[in-house]
C-alpha atoms as a PDB file:
ATOM      1  CA  MET A   1     112.948 116.942 131.266  1.00  0.00           C
ATOM      2  CA  GLY A   2     113.680 119.502 128.647  1.00  0.00           C
ATOM      3  CA  VAL A   3     110.550 120.788 126.298  1.00  0.00           C
ATOM      4  CA  ARG A   4     111.988 122.459 123.113  1.00  0.00           C
ATOM      5  CA  LYS A   5     109.976 125.128 120.415  1.00  0.00           C
ATOM      6  CA  ILE A   6     109.199 125.014 117.064  1.00  0.00           C
ATOM      7  CA  THR A   7     107.588 127.633 115.906  1.00  0.00           C
ATOM      8  CA  SER A   8     108.217 127.020 111.911  1.00  0.00           C
ATOM      9  CA  ALA A   9     106.395 124.600 109.812  1.00  0.00           C
ATOM     10  CA  GLN A  10     109.770 123.832 107.979  1.00  0.00           C
ATOM     11  CA  ASN A  11     111.327 122.759 110.742  1.00  0.00           C
ATOM     12  CA  SER A  12     112.863 119.391 110.081  1.00  0.00           C
ATOM     13  CA  LEU A  13     110.745 117.425 112.491  1.00  0.00           C
ATOM     14  CA  ILE A  14     107.853 119.014 112.095  1.00  0.00           C
ATOM     15  CA  LYS A  15     108.009 117.588 108.448  1.00  0.00           C
ATOM     16  CA  ARG A  16     109.039 114.097 109.637  1.00  0.00           C
ATOM     17  CA  PHE A  17     105.741 114.242 111.738  1.00  0.00           C
ATOM     18  CA  ARG A  18     103.773 115.114 108.929  1.00  0.00           C
ATOM     19  CA  ARG A  19     104.980 112.205 106.968  1.00  0.00           C
ATOM     20  CA  ALA A  20     103.969 109.869 110.205  1.00  0.00           C
ATOM     21  CA  LEU A  21     100.713 111.203 110.571  1.00  0.00           C
ATOM     22  CA  THR A  22     100.169 111.006 106.975  1.00  0.00           C
ATOM     23  CA  GLU A  23     101.227 107.959 105.762  1.00  0.00           C
ATOM     24  CA  GLY A  24     101.785 106.177 109.008  1.00  0.00           C
ATOM     25  CA  VAL A  25     105.893 105.880 109.323  1.00  0.00           C
ATOM     26  CA  THR A  26     108.738 107.549 108.439  1.00  0.00           C
ATOM     27  CA  ARG A  27     112.191 107.130 106.068  1.00  0.00           C
ATOM     28  CA  GLU A  28     113.599 105.815 108.831  1.00  0.00           C
ATOM     29  CA  GLY A  29     110.739 103.641 109.792  1.00  0.00           C
ATOM     30  CA  TRP A  30     109.083 105.035 112.657  1.00  0.00           C
ATOM     31  CA  LEU A  31     105.982 104.846 113.478  1.00  0.00           C
ATOM     32  CA  GLY A  32     103.259 107.883 113.807  1.00  0.00           C
ATOM     33  CA  ILE A  33     100.592 107.705 116.202  1.00  0.00           C
ATOM     34  CA  GLU A  34      98.014 110.747 117.602  1.00  0.00           C
ATOM     35  CA  GLY A  35      96.155 111.058 120.656  1.00  0.00           C
ATOM     36  CA  PRO A  36      96.459 110.148 124.354  1.00  0.00           C
ATOM     37  CA  LEU A  37      95.457 106.409 124.122  1.00  0.00           C
ATOM     38  CA  LEU A  38      97.696 105.822 122.107  1.00  0.00           C
ATOM     39  CA  VAL A  39     100.321 107.682 123.148  1.00  0.00           C
ATOM     40  CA  GLU A  40      99.827 105.435 126.451  1.00  0.00           C
ATOM     41  CA  GLU A  41      99.826 102.804 124.884  1.00  0.00           C
ATOM     42  CA  ALA A  42     102.900 102.838 123.204  1.00  0.00           C
ATOM     43  CA  LEU A  43     104.267 104.020 127.064  1.00  0.00           C
ATOM     44  CA  GLU A  44     103.149 101.098 128.169  1.00  0.00           C
ATOM     45  CA  ALA A  45     105.029  98.402 125.370  1.00  0.00           C
ATOM     46  CA  THR A  46     107.934  99.497 126.774  1.00  0.00           C
ATOM     47  CA  THR A  47     108.130  97.320 129.697  1.00  0.00           C
ATOM     48  CA  SER A  48     106.691  94.528 127.293  1.00  0.00           C
ATOM     49  CA  VAL A  49     107.525  90.260 126.981  1.00  0.00           C
ATOM     50  CA  PRO A  50     111.291  90.287 125.762  1.00  0.00           C
ATOM     51  CA  ASP A  51     110.343  88.011 123.243  1.00  0.00           C
ATOM     52  CA  ARG A  52     107.217  90.041 121.657  1.00  0.00           C
ATOM     53  CA  GLY A  53     109.851  92.547 120.269  1.00  0.00           C
ATOM     54  CA  ARG A  54     110.966  96.393 122.021  1.00  0.00           C
ATOM     55  CA  VAL A  55     108.362  99.577 121.468  1.00  0.00           C
ATOM     56  CA  GLY A  56     110.825 102.991 121.469  1.00  0.00           C
ATOM     57  CA  VAL A  57     108.752 106.130 121.819  1.00  0.00           C
ATOM     58  CA  ARG A  58     111.762 108.178 120.724  1.00  0.00           C
ATOM     59  CA  SER A  59     109.808 111.440 119.631  1.00  0.00           C
ATOM     60  CA  VAL A  60     106.802 113.695 121.443  1.00  0.00           C
ATOM     61  CA  LEU A  61     104.886 116.483 119.954  1.00  0.00           C
ATOM     62  CA  LEU A  62     102.539 118.690 122.394  1.00  0.00           C
ATOM     63  CA  ALA A  63     100.262 121.498 121.101  1.00  0.00           C
ATOM     64  CA  ARG A  64     100.943 123.853 123.243  1.00  0.00           C
ATOM     65  CA  SER A  65      97.786 124.005 125.211  1.00  0.00           C
ATOM     66  CA  ALA A  66      98.168 120.443 125.851  1.00  0.00           C
ATOM     67  CA  VAL A  67     101.394 120.755 127.886  1.00  0.00           C
ATOM     68  CA  GLY A  68      99.903 120.613 131.597  1.00  0.00           C
ATOM     69  CA  ARG A  69      97.417 118.601 130.765  1.00  0.00           C
ATOM     70  CA  PHE A  70      99.254 115.421 129.635  1.00  0.00           C
ATOM     71  CA  GLU A  71     102.313 115.591 132.395  1.00  0.00           C
ATOM     72  CA  LYS A  72     101.082 112.424 134.184  1.00  0.00           C
ATOM     73  CA  LEU A  73     100.824 110.765 131.101  1.00  0.00           C
ATOM     74  CA  LEU A  74     105.007 111.545 129.907  1.00  0.00           C
ATOM     75  CA  ARG A  75     106.306 110.881 133.568  1.00  0.00           C
ATOM     76  CA  PRO A  76     107.488 107.503 131.949  1.00  0.00           C
ATOM     77  CA  LEU A  77     109.215 108.589 128.722  1.00  0.00           C
ATOM     78  CA  PRO A  78     112.570 107.107 128.468  1.00  0.00           C
ATOM     79  CA  ARG A  79     115.376 110.307 129.371  1.00  0.00           C
ATOM     80  CA  ASP A  80     116.705 110.026 125.335  1.00  0.00           C
ATOM     81  CA  ALA A  81     113.546 110.997 123.902  1.00  0.00           C
ATOM     82  CA  ASP A  82     112.937 114.479 122.043  1.00  0.00           C
ATOM     83  CA  LEU A  83     109.656 116.170 123.885  1.00  0.00           C
ATOM     84  CA  THR A  84     108.464 119.163 121.431  1.00  0.00           C
ATOM     85  CA  GLU A  85     105.882 121.958 121.988  1.00  0.00           C
ATOM     86  CA  ILE A  86     104.087 123.854 118.771  1.00  0.00           C
ATOM     87  CA  PRO A  87     101.534 126.445 119.046  1.00  0.00           C
ATOM     88  CA  ASP A  88      98.141 124.777 118.145  1.00  0.00           C
ATOM     89  CA  ARG A  89      97.505 125.624 115.207  1.00  0.00           C
ATOM     90  CA  LEU A  90     100.120 124.142 113.921  1.00  0.00           C
ATOM     91  CA  PHE A  91      99.530 120.828 115.358  1.00  0.00           C
ATOM     92  CA  GLU A  92      96.423 121.392 113.861  1.00  0.00           C
ATOM     93  CA  GLN A  93      97.774 121.636 110.571  1.00  0.00           C
ATOM     94  CA  LEU A  94      99.931 118.266 111.171  1.00  0.00           C
ATOM     95  CA  SER A  95      96.668 116.131 112.595  1.00  0.00           C
ATOM     96  CA  PRO A  96      94.802 114.484 109.637  1.00  0.00           C
ATOM     97  CA  THR A  97      92.582 113.393 112.520  1.00  0.00           C
ATOM     98  CA  ALA A  98      88.609 115.816 112.354  1.00  0.00           C
ATOM     99  CA  HIS A  99      89.512 117.154 116.351  1.00  0.00           C
ATOM    100  CA  PRO A 100      92.980 116.960 117.644  1.00  0.00           C
ATOM    101  CA  GLN A 101      93.707 116.019 120.974  1.00  0.00           C
ATOM    102  CA  GLY A 102      96.884 117.597 121.264  1.00  0.00           C
ATOM    103  CA  ILE A 103      99.567 114.990 121.494  1.00  0.00           C
ATOM    104  CA  ALA A 104     101.338 112.282 119.045  1.00  0.00           C
ATOM    105  CA  ALA A 105     104.552 110.601 119.100  1.00  0.00           C
ATOM    106  CA  LEU A 106     107.360 108.630 116.889  1.00  0.00           C
ATOM    107  CA  VAL A 107     107.472 105.222 117.603  1.00  0.00           C
ATOM    108  CA  GLU A 108     110.239 102.543 116.548  1.00  0.00           C
ATOM    109  CA  ILE A 109     109.410  98.966 116.568  1.00  0.00           C
ATOM    110  CA  GLN A 110     111.424  96.351 116.608  1.00  0.00           C
ATOM    111  CA  PRO A 111     109.927  92.721 116.136  1.00  0.00           C
ATOM    112  CA  PRO A 112     111.577  90.318 117.713  1.00  0.00           C
ATOM    113  CA  ASP A 113     113.463  87.330 115.412  1.00  0.00           C
ATOM    114  CA  LEU A 114     111.595  85.234 113.274  1.00  0.00           C
ATOM    115  CA  ALA A 115     112.917  82.448 114.363  1.00  0.00           C
ATOM    116  CA  THR A 116     112.587  82.593 117.158  1.00  0.00           C
ATOM    117  CA  VAL A 117     108.871  83.180 117.098  1.00  0.00           C
ATOM    118  CA  LEU A 118     109.083  79.942 115.201  1.00  0.00           C
ATOM    119  CA  SER A 119     110.530  78.182 117.287  1.00  0.00           C
ATOM    120  CA  HIS A 120     107.789  77.957 120.280  1.00  0.00           C
ATOM    121  CA  ASP A 121     105.906  75.460 121.175  1.00  0.00           C
ATOM    122  CA  GLN A 122     102.089  75.155 119.175  1.00  0.00           C
ATOM    123  CA  VAL A 123     103.175  78.432 117.640  1.00  0.00           C
ATOM    124  CA  LEU A 124      99.656  80.426 116.532  1.00  0.00           C
ATOM    125  CA  LEU A 125     100.463  82.412 113.324  1.00  0.00           C
ATOM    126  CA  LEU A 126      98.293  84.437 111.230  1.00  0.00           C
ATOM    127  CA  VAL A 127      99.111  84.864 107.544  1.00  0.00           C
ATOM    128  CA  ILE A 128      97.127  87.607 106.319  1.00  0.00           C
ATOM    129  CA  CYS A 129      96.516  87.451 102.008  1.00  0.00           C
ATOM    130  CA  GLY A 130      95.659  90.229 100.165  1.00  0.00           C
ATOM    131  CA  LEU A 131      93.426  92.017 102.208  1.00  0.00           C
ATOM    132  CA  GLN A 132      92.977  96.118 101.239  1.00  0.00           C
ATOM    133  CA  ASP A 133      90.620  97.117 104.109  1.00  0.00           C
ATOM    134  CA  PRO A 134      92.896  98.809 106.721  1.00  0.00           C
ATOM    135  CA  GLY A 135      89.453  98.549 109.804  1.00  0.00           C
ATOM    136  CA  ASN A 136      89.722  94.954 108.967  1.00  0.00           C
ATOM    137  CA  LEU A 137      93.854  94.905 109.330  1.00  0.00           C
ATOM    138  CA  GLY A 138      93.491  96.890 112.884  1.00  0.00           C
ATOM    139  CA  THR A 139      90.329  94.758 113.510  1.00  0.00           C
ATOM    140  CA  ILE A 140      91.974  91.157 113.283  1.00  0.00           C
ATOM    141  CA  LEU A 141      95.522  92.406 114.587  1.00  0.00           C
ATOM    142  CA  ARG A 142      93.216  93.075 117.894  1.00  0.00           C
ATOM    143  CA  THR A 143      91.751  89.686 117.792  1.00  0.00           C
ATOM    144  CA  ALA A 144      94.843  88.120 117.305  1.00  0.00           C
ATOM    145  CA  GLU A 145      96.285  89.646 120.476  1.00  0.00           C
ATOM    146  CA  ALA A 146      93.050  88.476 122.564  1.00  0.00           C
ATOM    147  CA  PHE A 147      93.102  85.245 121.169  1.00  0.00           C
ATOM    148  CA  GLY A 148      96.716  84.557 121.704  1.00  0.00           C
ATOM    149  CA  ALA A 149      98.605  84.819 118.319  1.00  0.00           C
ATOM    150  CA  ASP A 150     101.950  84.452 118.468  1.00  0.00           C
ATOM    151  CA  ALA A 151     102.676  86.346 115.571  1.00  0.00           C
ATOM    152  CA  VAL A 152     101.144  88.345 112.524  1.00  0.00           C
ATOM    153  CA  MET A 153     102.597  88.030 108.840  1.00  0.00           C
ATOM    154  CA  THR A 154     101.571  89.929 106.109  1.00  0.00           C
ATOM    155  CA  LEU A 155     102.169  89.140 102.411  1.00  0.00           C
ATOM    156  CA  LYS A 156     103.315  91.831 100.326  1.00  0.00           C
ATOM    157  CA  THR A 157      99.358  92.576  98.529  1.00  0.00           C
ATOM    158  CA  THR A 158      98.310  93.448 102.068  1.00  0.00           C
ATOM    159  CA  VAL A 159      97.389  97.023 102.832  1.00  0.00           C
ATOM    160  CA  SER A 160     100.259  97.767 105.320  1.00  0.00           C
ATOM    161  CA  PRO A 161     100.403  97.689 108.876  1.00  0.00           C
ATOM    162  CA  TRP A 162     100.954 100.878 109.541  1.00  0.00           C
ATOM    163  CA  ASN A 163      98.518 103.028 108.373  1.00  0.00           C
ATOM    164  CA  PRO A 164      97.568 105.324 110.303  1.00  0.00           C
ATOM    165  CA  LYS A 165      93.445 103.027 110.067  1.00  0.00           C
ATOM    166  CA  VAL A 166      95.295 100.307 110.772  1.00  0.00           C
ATOM    167  CA  ILE A 167      96.861 101.472 114.141  1.00  0.00           C
ATOM    168  CA  ARG A 168      93.693 103.241 115.396  1.00  0.00           C
ATOM    169  CA  SER A 169      91.710 100.110 115.034  1.00  0.00           C
ATOM    170  CA  SER A 170      94.943  97.924 116.394  1.00  0.00           C
ATOM    171  CA  GLY A 171      93.534  98.559 120.272  1.00  0.00           C
ATOM    172  CA  GLY A 172      97.408  99.467 120.532  1.00  0.00           C
ATOM    173  CA  ALA A 173      97.906  95.342 119.632  1.00  0.00           C
ATOM    174  CA  VAL A 174     100.519  96.719 117.081  1.00  0.00           C
ATOM    175  CA  PHE A 175     102.329  97.851 119.930  1.00  0.00           C
ATOM    176  CA  ARG A 176     102.682  93.997 121.600  1.00  0.00           C
ATOM    177  CA  LEU A 177     101.769  91.620 119.265  1.00  0.00           C
ATOM    178  CA  PRO A 178     105.010  90.188 116.531  1.00  0.00           C
ATOM    179  CA  LEU A 179     104.267  91.467 113.368  1.00  0.00           C
ATOM    180  CA  PHE A 180     106.190  91.015 110.165  1.00  0.00           C
ATOM    181  CA  PRO A 181     105.107  92.752 107.277  1.00  0.00           C
ATOM    182  CA  GLY A 182     105.415  92.708 103.258  1.00  0.00           C
ATOM    183  CA  LEU A 183     106.320  88.865 102.813  1.00  0.00           C
ATOM    184  CA  GLU A 184     106.817  86.764  99.953  1.00  0.00           C
ATOM    185  CA  ALA A 185     104.768  84.291  99.916  1.00  0.00           C
ATOM    186  CA  ASP A 186     107.104  81.518  98.671  1.00  0.00           C
ATOM    187  CA  GLY A 187     109.827  81.982 100.913  1.00  0.00           C
ATOM    188  CA  LEU A 188     107.251  82.494 103.894  1.00  0.00           C
ATOM    189  CA  PHE A 189     105.934  79.334 103.046  1.00  0.00           C
ATOM    190  CA  GLU A 190     108.212  77.672 102.846  1.00  0.00           C
ATOM    191  CA  ARG A 191     109.819  78.340 106.223  1.00  0.00           C
ATOM    192  CA  LEU A 192     106.634  77.252 108.194  1.00  0.00           C
ATOM    193  CA  ARG A 193     106.562  74.301 106.449  1.00  0.00           C
ATOM    194  CA  ARG A 194     110.573  73.363 107.885  1.00  0.00           C
ATOM    195  CA  GLN A 195     109.336  74.322 110.812  1.00  0.00           C
ATOM    196  CA  ARG A 196     106.355  71.909 110.242  1.00  0.00           C
ATOM    197  CA  ILE A 197     104.067  74.464 110.800  1.00  0.00           C
ATOM    198  CA  GLN A 198     100.661  73.509 109.179  1.00  0.00           C
ATOM    199  CA  LEU A 199      99.035  76.328 106.615  1.00  0.00           C
ATOM    200  CA  ILE A 200      96.069  76.163 106.963  1.00  0.00           C
ATOM    201  CA  ALA A 201      93.371  78.628 104.177  1.00  0.00           C
ATOM    202  CA  ALA A 202      90.235  80.188 105.978  1.00  0.00           C
ATOM    203  CA  ASP A 203      87.647  79.207 102.482  1.00  0.00           C
ATOM    204  CA  ARG A 204      84.066  78.730 101.601  1.00  0.00           C
ATOM    205  CA  SER A 205      84.402  75.449  99.429  1.00  0.00           C
ATOM    206  CA  GLY A 206      86.916  74.282 101.619  1.00  0.00           C
ATOM    207  CA  ASP A 207      86.810  70.410 101.837  1.00  0.00           C
ATOM    208  CA  ALA A 208      86.022  70.279 106.136  1.00  0.00           C
ATOM    209  CA  SER A 209      84.560  72.516 108.542  1.00  0.00           C
ATOM    210  CA  ILE A 210      86.679  74.127 111.271  1.00  0.00           C
ATOM    211  CA  SER A 211      84.505  72.088 113.409  1.00  0.00           C
ATOM    212  CA  ASP A 212      86.125  69.019 112.653  1.00  0.00           C
ATOM    213  CA  THR A 213      89.712  70.058 112.600  1.00  0.00           C
ATOM    214  CA  ASP A 214      92.528  70.043 115.086  1.00  0.00           C
ATOM    215  CA  PHE A 215      94.443  73.119 115.815  1.00  0.00           C
ATOM    216  CA  ARG A 216      96.114  71.864 118.836  1.00  0.00           C
ATOM    217  CA  GLU A 217      99.273  71.093 117.411  1.00  0.00           C
ATOM    218  CA  SER A 218     101.430  74.947 115.370  1.00  0.00           C
ATOM    219  CA  VAL A 219      99.186  76.514 112.637  1.00  0.00           C
ATOM    220  CA  ALA A 220      99.334  79.625 110.187  1.00  0.00           C
ATOM    221  CA  PHE A 221      96.004  80.422 109.076  1.00  0.00           C
ATOM    222  CA  LEU A 222      95.618  82.519 105.995  1.00  0.00           C
ATOM    223  CA  ILE A 223      93.165  84.951 105.945  1.00  0.00           C
ATOM    224  CA  GLY A 224      92.212  86.314 102.173  1.00  0.00           C
ATOM    225  CA  ASN A 225      91.084  89.304 100.144  1.00  0.00           C
ATOM    226  CA  GLU A 226      87.609  90.925 101.527  1.00  0.00           C
ATOM    227  CA  ALA A 227      85.692  90.109  97.722  1.00  0.00           C
ATOM    228  CA  GLY A 228      87.623  87.131  97.258  1.00  0.00           C
ATOM    229  CA  GLY A 229      88.616  85.226  99.645  1.00  0.00           C
ATOM    230  CA  VAL A 230      92.453  83.454  99.784  1.00  0.00           C
ATOM    231  CA  ALA A 231      93.389  83.943  96.087  1.00  0.00           C
ATOM    232  CA  GLN A 232      93.596  80.615  94.689  1.00  0.00           C
ATOM    233  CA  GLU A 233      97.805  80.652  94.152  1.00  0.00           C
ATOM    234  CA  VAL A 234      98.215  80.716  97.701  1.00  0.00           C
ATOM    235  CA  LEU A 235      95.531  78.249  98.135  1.00  0.00           C
ATOM    236  CA  GLU A 236      97.059  75.814  96.174  1.00  0.00           C
ATOM    237  CA  LYS A 237     100.382  76.514  98.552  1.00  0.00           C
ATOM    238  CA  ALA A 238      98.205  75.662 101.733  1.00  0.00           C
ATOM    239  CA  ASP A 239      98.215  72.078 103.264  1.00  0.00           C
ATOM    240  CA  ARG A 240      93.939  72.188 103.808  1.00  0.00           C
ATOM    241  CA  ALA A 241      91.471  74.325 103.220  1.00  0.00           C
ATOM    242  CA  LEU A 242      88.926  74.891 105.578  1.00  0.00           C
ATOM    243  CA  ARG A 243      85.649  76.569 105.682  1.00  0.00           C
ATOM    244  CA  ILE A 244      83.462  77.974 109.077  1.00  0.00           C
ATOM    245  CA  PRO A 245      79.772  76.351 108.972  1.00  0.00           C
ATOM    246  CA  ILE A 246      77.446  78.898 108.384  1.00  0.00           C
ATOM    247  CA  ARG A 247      73.802  79.363 107.421  1.00  0.00           C
ATOM    248  CA  LEU A 248      72.642  77.810 103.992  1.00  0.00           C
ATOM    249  CA  GLY A 249      71.830  81.379 101.339  1.00  0.00           C
ATOM    250  CA  VAL A 250      74.591  83.116 103.546  1.00  0.00           C
ATOM    251  CA  ASP A 251      77.453  83.619 101.004  1.00  0.00           C
ATOM    252  CA  SER A 252      80.986  84.548 103.584  1.00  0.00           C
ATOM    253  CA  VAL A 253      81.349  85.868 106.744  1.00  0.00           C
ATOM    254  CA  ASN A 254      83.878  89.223 106.463  1.00  0.00           C
ATOM    255  CA  ALA A 255      87.459  88.550 106.366  1.00  0.00           C
ATOM    256  CA  ALA A 256      88.326  89.987 110.248  1.00  0.00           C
ATOM    257  CA  ILE A 257      85.117  88.029 111.360  1.00  0.00           C
ATOM    258  CA  ALA A 258      86.615  84.680 109.934  1.00  0.00           C
ATOM    259  CA  ALA A 259      89.979  85.265 111.200  1.00  0.00           C
ATOM    260  CA  GLY A 260      87.922  85.562 114.641  1.00  0.00           C
ATOM    261  CA  ILE A 261      87.164  82.646 114.054  1.00  0.00           C
ATOM    262  CA  PHE A 262      89.135  80.732 112.990  1.00  0.00           C
ATOM    263  CA  LEU A 263      91.740  81.575 116.308  1.00  0.00           C
ATOM    264  CA  TYR A 264      88.445  81.486 119.007  1.00  0.00           C
ATOM    265  CA  GLU A 265      88.629  77.916 117.847  1.00  0.00           C
ATOM    266  CA  ALA A 266      91.812  77.449 117.956  1.00  0.00           C
ATOM    267  CA  ALA A 267      92.057  78.792 121.768  1.00  0.00           C
ATOM    268  CA  ARG A 268      88.862  76.916 122.402  1.00  0.00           C
ATOM    269  CA  GLN A 269      90.781  73.526 121.789  1.00  0.00           C
ATOM    270  CA  ARG A 270      94.162  74.841 123.205  1.00  0.00           C
ATOM    271  CA  GLY A 271      91.950  75.323 126.272  1.00  0.00           C
ATOM    272  CA  PHE A 272      92.022  79.100 126.580  1.00  0.00           C
ATOM    273  CA  ARG A 273      95.788  78.746 127.665  1.00  0.00           C
ATOM    274  CA  TYR A 274      97.780  82.651 126.736  1.00  0.00           C
END
């Protein structure tokens, strides 16, 4: 594969990478990622199971000193992807990280059809309702993949899953887990109910404990904001509100921890069959 060279900071590709690495996505919706681990995860995801969606690495940017170092890593790069070399100092100017590793990429992610996901037997979903901390969301995505969630949806009030901090903390889950961001609560919940998917909100004042509830049928867990939990208007739309049994005197657990506990309990009841 040929490597083109760019030296100007005003080049359109450089501007596109600058936007993506700072804001998370380009105007075309391509995800900006940086570092060899994430680039490798994205390249491996191009051969993922079809019903998990499609991932395509569209462009790779290399610092001049890193060209030889990542030759093996880039062998799976698609033939139609761009490979560009730029001066080290220009790469450092583009990178928002303290210690750039000399490689970045633009990745196109196409989720599967939502109808296909919802048609699965015993579907297991997470709906993130108003979460604001990108590290928490990244952790939730990583945990959702680990415990066999079929997809994660986020409401419009939630931090963008394309936030660079979300991407870095997700452990590559964004490339493998179907993700449907920025949805309206009313339309989504109505659609889930039509598919007979139970809506269960995680709430510290819930009327029952997760340890006393059957999660073996299709279910969507609603996880709320770090400070206030699931908002009242969303709670009113849920079929049930369940609490996690925790020690007396402790107010609540972190939102990402709560999501993990709900997902683990569902996976345990289902015999950890992924």
